[in-house]
Each structure stands twice: as C-alpha cells, then as structure tokens.
Amino acid sequence: MNASETKSATVLEPSAHISIEQRILIFCTRHPKMKFTLECILTDHEGNEFDLHEEIEDLVNDGILEKQISNAGTVWYYILN
C-alpha cells in the first residue's frame, strides 16, 4: 500500500478502534439529512446489534438523534441540527 492509499483509507473510512458512538456520529456527519435504520448502520459499520442499539438510544436520550416510527413500524433515526 502506498502513501496515497494509506491516507485515503484513514481519512475516508473510520478506524476499527473508534467507539460505536463515534462511528454513528461520523455516519451522521457524512449523511446529515438522511434518515437511517439500525440495519443501515450495521451494514455500513460491522458490529454488535445490541451495542449499536444501546448507543443510538443514548444519543436519542442526549438529544443528538431523533427517533421516528413510521406507520408500518419501521424505526428511523436522524440527526438533530
């Protein structure tokens, strides 16, 4: 891997050692107007579904994310501005 490949990998992709909360916030800053589901984050960032759900709920409780449930029962999250 040359220097340009190393730089692009570290700038564009979250490092494996960052927290789940940081991964969620990075995802939200990359897609600030997008509503997303828990599965969307799991697909984008491999991880444990229970831990991810806990972190998202903490961000909802802290007022960083908003939770919305559709008529079909789908749970959507989005970042509050």
PDB file of N, CA and C in Angstrom:
ATOM      1  N   MET A   1       0.861  -1.180   0.000  1.00  0.00           N
ATOM      2  CA  MET A   1       0.000   0.000   0.000  1.00  0.00           C
ATOM      3  C   MET A   1       0.897   1.229   0.000  1.00  0.00           C
ATOM      4  N   ASN A   2       0.669   2.138  -0.939  1.00  0.00           N
ATOM      5  CA  ASN A   2       1.490   3.339  -0.991  1.00  0.00           C
ATOM      6  C   ASN A   2       0.904   4.427  -0.083  1.00  0.00           C
ATOM      7  N   ALA A   3       1.595   5.540   0.020  1.00  0.00           N
ATOM      8  CA  ALA A   3       1.190   6.616   0.944  1.00  0.00           C
ATOM      9  C   ALA A   3      -0.181   7.178   0.627  1.00  0.00           C
ATOM     10  N   SER A   4      -0.525   7.336  -0.655  1.00  0.00           N
ATOM     11  CA  SER A   4      -1.834   7.894  -1.001  1.00  0.00           C
ATOM     12  C   SER A   4      -2.960   6.934  -0.627  1.00  0.00           C
ATOM     13  N   GLU A   5      -2.730   5.621  -0.767  1.00  0.00           N
ATOM     14  CA  GLU A   5      -3.739   4.645  -0.364  1.00  0.00           C
ATOM     15  C   GLU A   5      -3.913   4.644   1.151  1.00  0.00           C
ATOM     16  N   THR A   6      -2.826   4.771   1.890  1.00  0.00           N
ATOM     17  CA  THR A   6      -2.890   4.813   3.339  1.00  0.00           C
ATOM     18  C   THR A   6      -3.661   6.029   3.806  1.00  0.00           C
ATOM     19  N   LYS A   7      -3.385   7.192   3.224  1.00  0.00           N
ATOM     20  CA  LYS A   7      -4.057   8.418   3.624  1.00  0.00           C
ATOM     21  C   LYS A   7      -5.550   8.347   3.336  1.00  0.00           C
ATOM     22  N   SER A   8      -5.941   7.884   2.145  1.00  0.00           N
ATOM     23  CA  SER A   8      -7.355   7.841   1.807  1.00  0.00           C
ATOM     24  C   SER A   8      -8.103   6.840   2.685  1.00  0.00           C
ATOM     25  N   ALA A   9      -7.469   5.750   3.047  1.00  0.00           N
ATOM     26  CA  ALA A   9      -8.131   4.770   3.904  1.00  0.00           C
ATOM     27  C   ALA A   9      -8.369   5.340   5.298  1.00  0.00           C
ATOM     28  N   THR A  10      -7.431   6.108   5.830  1.00  0.00           N
ATOM     29  CA  THR A  10      -7.596   6.638   7.177  1.00  0.00           C
ATOM     30  C   THR A  10      -8.511   7.847   7.213  1.00  0.00           C
ATOM     31  N   VAL A  11      -8.583   8.609   6.136  1.00  0.00           N
ATOM     32  CA  VAL A  11      -9.429   9.793   6.103  1.00  0.00           C
ATOM     33  C   VAL A  11     -10.875   9.429   5.795  1.00  0.00           C
ATOM     34  N   LEU A  12     -11.087   8.512   4.883  1.00  0.00           N
ATOM     35  CA  LEU A  12     -12.437   8.216   4.427  1.00  0.00           C
ATOM     36  C   LEU A  12     -13.141   7.113   5.201  1.00  0.00           C
ATOM     37  N   GLU A  13     -12.409   6.195   5.789  1.00  0.00           N
ATOM     38  CA  GLU A  13     -13.016   5.082   6.491  1.00  0.00           C
ATOM     39  C   GLU A  13     -12.718   5.188   7.981  1.00  0.00           C
ATOM     40  N   PRO A  14     -13.741   4.989   8.827  1.00  0.00           N
ATOM     41  CA  PRO A  14     -13.489   5.029  10.262  1.00  0.00           C
ATOM     42  C   PRO A  14     -12.529   3.917  10.669  1.00  0.00           C
ATOM     43  N   SER A  15     -11.674   4.223  11.580  1.00  0.00           N
ATOM     44  CA  SER A  15     -10.728   3.246  12.097  1.00  0.00           C
ATOM     45  C   SER A  15     -11.474   2.200  12.919  1.00  0.00           C
ATOM     46  N   ALA A  16     -10.936   0.995  12.965  1.00  0.00           N
ATOM     47  CA  ALA A  16     -11.585  -0.099  13.691  1.00  0.00           C
ATOM     48  C   ALA A  16     -11.569   0.129  15.204  1.00  0.00           C
ATOM     49  N   HIS A  17     -10.702   0.995  15.712  1.00  0.00           N
ATOM     50  CA  HIS A  17     -10.591   1.158  17.158  1.00  0.00           C
ATOM     51  C   HIS A  17     -11.434   2.306  17.721  1.00  0.00           C
ATOM     52  N   ILE A  18     -12.224   2.979  16.907  1.00  0.00           N
ATOM     53  CA  ILE A  18     -13.064   4.049  17.439  1.00  0.00           C
ATOM     54  C   ILE A  18     -14.354   3.457  17.990  1.00  0.00           C
ATOM     55  N   SER A  19     -15.008   4.185  18.880  1.00  0.00           N
ATOM     56  CA  SER A  19     -16.205   3.681  19.536  1.00  0.00           C
ATOM     57  C   SER A  19     -17.395   3.625  18.588  1.00  0.00           C
ATOM     58  N   ILE A  20     -18.392   2.867  18.997  1.00  0.00           N
ATOM     59  CA  ILE A  20     -19.620   2.773  18.206  1.00  0.00           C
ATOM     60  C   ILE A  20     -20.267   4.145  18.096  1.00  0.00           C
ATOM     61  N   GLU A  21     -20.274   4.895  19.193  1.00  0.00           N
ATOM     62  CA  GLU A  21     -20.870   6.240  19.179  1.00  0.00           C
ATOM     63  C   GLU A  21     -20.176   7.124  18.151  1.00  0.00           C
ATOM     64  N   GLN A  22     -18.858   7.070  18.097  1.00  0.00           N
ATOM     65  CA  GLN A  22     -18.114   7.862  17.124  1.00  0.00           C
ATOM     66  C   GLN A  22     -18.448   7.428  15.701  1.00  0.00           C
ATOM     67  N   ARG A  23     -18.619   6.133  15.482  1.00  0.00           N
ATOM     68  CA  ARG A  23     -18.983   5.641  14.153  1.00  0.00           C
ATOM     69  C   ARG A  23     -20.353   6.170  13.738  1.00  0.00           C
ATOM     70  N   ILE A  24     -21.296   6.190  14.674  1.00  0.00           N
ATOM     71  CA  ILE A  24     -22.635   6.707  14.378  1.00  0.00           C
ATOM     72  C   ILE A  24     -22.549   8.188  14.022  1.00  0.00           C
ATOM     73  N   LEU A  25     -21.794   8.947  14.809  1.00  0.00           N
ATOM     74  CA  LEU A  25     -21.667  10.383  14.549  1.00  0.00           C
ATOM     75  C   LEU A  25     -20.955  10.662  13.229  1.00  0.00           C
ATOM     76  N   ILE A  26     -19.961   9.860  12.895  1.00  0.00           N
ATOM     77  CA  ILE A  26     -19.283  10.007  11.605  1.00  0.00           C
ATOM     78  C   ILE A  26     -20.274   9.735  10.479  1.00  0.00           C
ATOM     79  N   PHE A  27     -21.065   8.677  10.624  1.00  0.00           N
ATOM     80  CA  PHE A  27     -22.083   8.357   9.622  1.00  0.00           C
ATOM     81  C   PHE A  27     -23.051   9.528   9.457  1.00  0.00           C
ATOM     82  N   CYS A  28     -23.491  10.101  10.585  1.00  0.00           N
ATOM     83  CA  CYS A  28     -24.452  11.210  10.542  1.00  0.00           C
ATOM     84  C   CYS A  28     -23.860  12.462   9.908  1.00  0.00           C
ATOM     85  N   THR A  29     -22.591  12.730  10.149  1.00  0.00           N
ATOM     86  CA  THR A  29     -21.985  13.916   9.549  1.00  0.00           C
ATOM     87  C   THR A  29     -21.762  13.721   8.052  1.00  0.00           C
ATOM     88  N   ARG A  30     -21.577  12.492   7.635  1.00  0.00           N
ATOM     89  CA  ARG A  30     -21.438  12.220   6.193  1.00  0.00           C
ATOM     90  C   ARG A  30     -22.786  12.319   5.477  1.00  0.00           C
ATOM     91  N   HIS A  31     -23.849  12.022   6.200  1.00  0.00           N
ATOM     92  CA  HIS A  31     -25.198  11.994   5.624  1.00  0.00           C
ATOM     93  C   HIS A  31     -26.150  12.789   6.524  1.00  0.00           C
ATOM     94  N   PRO A  32     -25.966  14.099   6.648  1.00  0.00           N
ATOM     95  CA  PRO A  32     -26.690  14.882   7.655  1.00  0.00           C
ATOM     96  C   PRO A  32     -28.197  14.994   7.450  1.00  0.00           C
ATOM     97  N   LYS A  33     -28.686  14.828   6.259  1.00  0.00           N
ATOM     98  CA  LYS A  33     -30.130  14.961   6.015  1.00  0.00           C
ATOM     99  C   LYS A  33     -30.815  13.614   5.819  1.00  0.00           C
ATOM    100  N   MET A  34     -30.077  12.551   6.015  1.00  0.00           N
ATOM    101  CA  MET A  34     -30.592  11.214   5.751  1.00  0.00           C
ATOM    102  C   MET A  34     -31.200  10.589   6.997  1.00  0.00           C
ATOM    103  N   LYS A  35     -32.378  10.005   6.863  1.00  0.00           N
ATOM    104  CA  LYS A  35     -32.933   9.175   7.922  1.00  0.00           C
ATOM    105  C   LYS A  35     -32.350   7.787   7.732  1.00  0.00           C
ATOM    106  N   PHE A  36     -32.092   7.093   8.826  1.00  0.00           N
ATOM    107  CA  PHE A  36     -31.493   5.772   8.709  1.00  0.00           C
ATOM    108  C   PHE A  36     -32.088   4.822   9.736  1.00  0.00           C
ATOM    109  N   THR A  37     -31.929   3.541   9.464  1.00  0.00           N
ATOM    110  CA  THR A  37     -32.372   2.498  10.382  1.00  0.00           C
ATOM    111  C   THR A  37     -31.154   1.881  11.055  1.00  0.00           C
ATOM    112  N   LEU A  38     -31.403   1.106  12.068  1.00  0.00           N
ATOM    113  CA  LEU A  38     -30.330   0.399  12.757  1.00  0.00           C
ATOM    114  C   LEU A  38     -29.582  -0.504  11.774  1.00  0.00           C
ATOM    115  N   GLU A  39     -30.320  -1.154  10.891  1.00  0.00           N
ATOM    116  CA  GLU A  39     -29.706  -2.054   9.917  1.00  0.00           C
ATOM    117  C   GLU A  39     -28.784  -1.313   8.959  1.00  0.00           C
ATOM    118  N   CYS A  40     -29.115  -0.080   8.651  1.00  0.00           N
ATOM    119  CA  CYS A  40     -28.280   0.733   7.762  1.00  0.00           C
ATOM    120  C   CYS A  40     -26.901   0.939   8.386  1.00  0.00           C
ATOM    121  N   ILE A  41     -26.870   1.256   9.656  1.00  0.00           N
ATOM    122  CA  ILE A  41     -25.591   1.459  10.344  1.00  0.00           C
ATOM    123  C   ILE A  41     -24.845   0.140  10.462  1.00  0.00           C
ATOM    124  N   LEU A  42     -25.552  -0.951  10.757  1.00  0.00           N
ATOM    125  CA  LEU A  42     -24.890  -2.250  10.865  1.00  0.00           C
ATOM    126  C   LEU A  42     -24.266  -2.657   9.540  1.00  0.00           C
ATOM    127  N   THR A  43     -24.945  -2.364   8.438  1.00  0.00           N
ATOM    128  CA  THR A  43     -24.401  -2.684   7.123  1.00  0.00           C
ATOM    129  C   THR A  43     -23.167  -1.843   6.843  1.00  0.00           C
ATOM    130  N   ASP A  44     -23.224  -0.562   7.207  1.00  0.00           N
ATOM    131  CA  ASP A  44     -22.110   0.341   6.941  1.00  0.00           C
ATOM    132  C   ASP A  44     -20.928   0.087   7.874  1.00  0.00           C
ATOM    133  N   HIS A  45     -21.213  -0.235   9.115  1.00  0.00           N
ATOM    134  CA  HIS A  45     -20.161  -0.453  10.124  1.00  0.00           C
ATOM    135  C   HIS A  45     -20.461  -1.748  10.856  1.00  0.00           C
ATOM    136  N   GLU A  46     -19.683  -2.771  10.582  1.00  0.00           N
ATOM    137  CA  GLU A  46     -19.914  -4.055  11.219  1.00  0.00           C
ATOM    138  C   GLU A  46     -19.859  -3.889  12.729  1.00  0.00           C
ATOM    139  N   GLY A  47     -20.731  -4.612  13.411  1.00  0.00           N
ATOM    140  CA  GLY A  47     -20.731  -4.524  14.858  1.00  0.00           C
ATOM    141  C   GLY A  47     -21.869  -5.298  15.461  1.00  0.00           C
ATOM    142  N   ASN A  48     -21.951  -5.242  16.771  1.00  0.00           N
ATOM    143  CA  ASN A  48     -22.962  -5.938  17.535  1.00  0.00           C
ATOM    144  C   ASN A  48     -24.257  -5.127  17.541  1.00  0.00           C
ATOM    145  N   GLU A  49     -25.374  -5.752  17.170  1.00  0.00           N
ATOM    146  CA  GLU A  49     -26.652  -5.044  17.075  1.00  0.00           C
ATOM    147  C   GLU A  49     -27.109  -4.514  18.432  1.00  0.00           C
ATOM    148  N   PHE A  50     -26.925  -5.271  19.499  1.00  0.00           N
ATOM    149  CA  PHE A  50     -27.354  -4.820  20.824  1.00  0.00           C
ATOM    150  C   PHE A  50     -26.568  -3.586  21.260  1.00  0.00           C
ATOM    151  N   ASP A  51     -25.245  -3.619  21.102  1.00  0.00           N
ATOM    152  CA  ASP A  51     -24.411  -2.477  21.477  1.00  0.00           C
ATOM    153  C   ASP A  51     -24.769  -1.249  20.651  1.00  0.00           C
ATOM    154  N   LEU A  52     -25.005  -1.456  19.364  1.00  0.00           N
ATOM    155  CA  LEU A  52     -25.361  -0.352  18.484  1.00  0.00           C
ATOM    156  C   LEU A  52     -26.700   0.255  18.902  1.00  0.00           C
ATOM    157  N   HIS A  53     -27.681  -0.590  19.203  1.00  0.00           N
ATOM    158  CA  HIS A  53     -28.997  -0.107  19.632  1.00  0.00           C
ATOM    159  C   HIS A  53     -28.868   0.715  20.915  1.00  0.00           C
ATOM    160  N   GLU A  54     -28.076   0.233  21.863  1.00  0.00           N
ATOM    161  CA  GLU A  54     -27.851   0.972  23.117  1.00  0.00           C
ATOM    162  C   GLU A  54     -27.236   2.340  22.855  1.00  0.00           C
ATOM    163  N   GLU A  55     -26.231   2.401  22.004  1.00  0.00           N
ATOM    164  CA  GLU A  55     -25.560   3.668  21.709  1.00  0.00           C
ATOM    165  C   GLU A  55     -26.501   4.642  21.009  1.00  0.00           C
ATOM    166  N   ILE A  56     -27.299   4.133  20.079  1.00  0.00           N
ATOM    167  CA  ILE A  56     -28.256   5.002  19.386  1.00  0.00           C
ATOM    168  C   ILE A  56     -29.290   5.533  20.367  1.00  0.00           C
ATOM    169  N   GLU A  57     -29.794   4.682  21.243  1.00  0.00           N
ATOM    170  CA  GLU A  57     -30.774   5.127  22.227  1.00  0.00           C
ATOM    171  C   GLU A  57     -30.159   6.169  23.175  1.00  0.00           C
ATOM    172  N   ASP A  58     -28.889   6.004  23.535  1.00  0.00           N
ATOM    173  CA  ASP A  58     -28.201   7.009  24.356  1.00  0.00           C
ATOM    174  C   ASP A  58     -28.134   8.351  23.619  1.00  0.00           C
ATOM    175  N   LEU A  59     -27.840   8.316  22.314  1.00  0.00           N
ATOM    176  CA  LEU A  59     -27.790   9.545  21.528  1.00  0.00           C
ATOM    177  C   LEU A  59     -29.174  10.181  21.398  1.00  0.00           C
ATOM    178  N   VAL A  60     -30.221   9.361  21.332  1.00  0.00           N
ATOM    179  CA  VAL A  60     -31.593   9.875  21.311  1.00  0.00           C
ATOM    180  C   VAL A  60     -31.893  10.544  22.651  1.00  0.00           C
ATOM    181  N   ASN A  61     -31.552   9.873  23.746  1.00  0.00           N
ATOM    182  CA  ASN A  61     -31.794  10.426  25.091  1.00  0.00           C
ATOM    183  C   ASN A  61     -31.002  11.694  25.350  1.00  0.00           C
ATOM    184  N   ASP A  62     -29.833  11.809  24.730  1.00  0.00           N
ATOM    185  CA  ASP A  62     -28.999  13.010  24.879  1.00  0.00           C
ATOM    186  C   ASP A  62     -29.443  14.151  23.964  1.00  0.00           C
ATOM    187  N   GLY A  63     -30.435  13.896  23.101  1.00  0.00           N
ATOM    188  CA  GLY A  63     -30.941  14.938  22.212  1.00  0.00           C
ATOM    189  C   GLY A  63     -30.112  15.161  20.960  1.00  0.00           C
ATOM    190  N   ILE A  64     -29.246  14.204  20.628  1.00  0.00           N
ATOM    191  CA  ILE A  64     -28.412  14.330  19.438  1.00  0.00           C
ATOM    192  C   ILE A  64     -29.121  13.736  18.225  1.00  0.00           C
ATOM    193  N   LEU A  65     -29.777  12.605  18.436  1.00  0.00           N
ATOM    194  CA  LEU A  65     -30.562  11.966  17.381  1.00  0.00           C
ATOM    195  C   LEU A  65     -32.037  12.024  17.735  1.00  0.00           C
ATOM    196  N   GLU A  66     -32.858  11.952  16.726  1.00  0.00           N
ATOM    197  CA  GLU A  66     -34.314  11.870  16.907  1.00  0.00           C
ATOM    198  C   GLU A  66     -34.757  10.502  16.398  1.00  0.00           C
ATOM    199  N   LYS A  67     -35.735   9.923  17.086  1.00  0.00           N
ATOM    200  CA  LYS A  67     -36.279   8.621  16.711  1.00  0.00           C
ATOM    201  C   LYS A  67     -37.685   8.836  16.183  1.00  0.00           C
ATOM    202  N   GLN A  68     -38.009   8.188  15.067  1.00  0.00           N
ATOM    203  CA  GLN A  68     -39.325   8.308  14.460  1.00  0.00           C
ATOM    204  C   GLN A  68     -39.780   6.913  14.042  1.00  0.00           C
ATOM    205  N   ILE A  69     -41.027   6.579  14.357  1.00  0.00           N
ATOM    206  CA  ILE A  69     -41.577   5.278  13.994  1.00  0.00           C
ATOM    207  C   ILE A  69     -42.649   5.499  12.934  1.00  0.00           C
ATOM    208  N   SER A  70     -42.488   4.841  11.783  1.00  0.00           N
ATOM    209  CA  SER A  70     -43.432   5.005  10.682  1.00  0.00           C
ATOM    210  C   SER A  70     -44.715   4.230  10.964  1.00  0.00           C
ATOM    211  N   ASN A  71     -45.733   4.463  10.150  1.00  0.00           N
ATOM    212  CA  ASN A  71     -46.996   3.734  10.275  1.00  0.00           C
ATOM    213  C   ASN A  71     -46.803   2.236  10.082  1.00  0.00           C
ATOM    214  N   ALA A  72     -45.803   1.856   9.308  1.00  0.00           N
ATOM    215  CA  ALA A  72     -45.510   0.449   9.055  1.00  0.00           C
ATOM    216  C   ALA A  72     -44.675  -0.172  10.174  1.00  0.00           C
ATOM    217  N   GLY A  73     -44.263   0.639  11.157  1.00  0.00           N
ATOM    218  CA  GLY A  73     -43.481   0.135  12.280  1.00  0.00           C
ATOM    219  C   GLY A  73     -41.979   0.228  12.116  1.00  0.00           C
ATOM    220  N   THR A  74     -41.516   0.807  11.025  1.00  0.00           N
ATOM    221  CA  THR A  74     -40.075   0.979  10.812  1.00  0.00           C
ATOM    222  C   THR A  74     -39.565   2.099  11.712  1.00  0.00           C
ATOM    223  N   VAL A  75     -38.463   1.829  12.403  1.00  0.00           N
ATOM    224  CA  VAL A  75     -37.864   2.832  13.282  1.00  0.00           C
ATOM    225  C   VAL A  75     -36.764   3.546  12.506  1.00  0.00           C
ATOM    226  N   TRP A  76     -36.920   4.860  12.368  1.00  0.00           N
ATOM    227  CA  TRP A  76     -35.961   5.713  11.672  1.00  0.00           C
ATOM    228  C   TRP A  76     -35.264   6.609  12.675  1.00  0.00           C
ATOM    229  N   TYR A  77     -34.023   6.923  12.412  1.00  0.00           N
ATOM    230  CA  TYR A  77     -33.259   7.865  13.225  1.00  0.00           C
ATOM    231  C   TYR A  77     -32.717   8.948  12.305  1.00  0.00           C
ATOM    232  N   TYR A  78     -32.530  10.136  12.847  1.00  0.00           N
ATOM    233  CA  TYR A  78     -31.879  11.198  12.109  1.00  0.00           C
ATOM    234  C   TYR A  78     -31.241  12.149  13.102  1.00  0.00           C
ATOM    235  N   ILE A  79     -30.238  12.866  12.629  1.00  0.00           N
ATOM    236  CA  ILE A  79     -29.508  13.785  13.498  1.00  0.00           C
ATOM    237  C   ILE A  79     -30.272  15.101  13.611  1.00  0.00           C
ATOM    238  N   LEU A  80     -30.319  15.635  14.812  1.00  0.00           N
ATOM    239  CA  LEU A  80     -30.948  16.932  15.028  1.00  0.00           C
ATOM    240  C   LEU A  80     -29.929  18.015  14.749  1.00  0.00           C
ATOM    241  N   ASN A  81     -30.360  19.067  14.111  1.00  0.00           N
ATOM    242  CA  ASN A  81     -29.438  20.183  13.806  1.00  0.00           C
ATOM    243  C   ASN A  81     -29.411  21.185  14.920  1.00  0.00           C
TER     244      ASN A  81
END
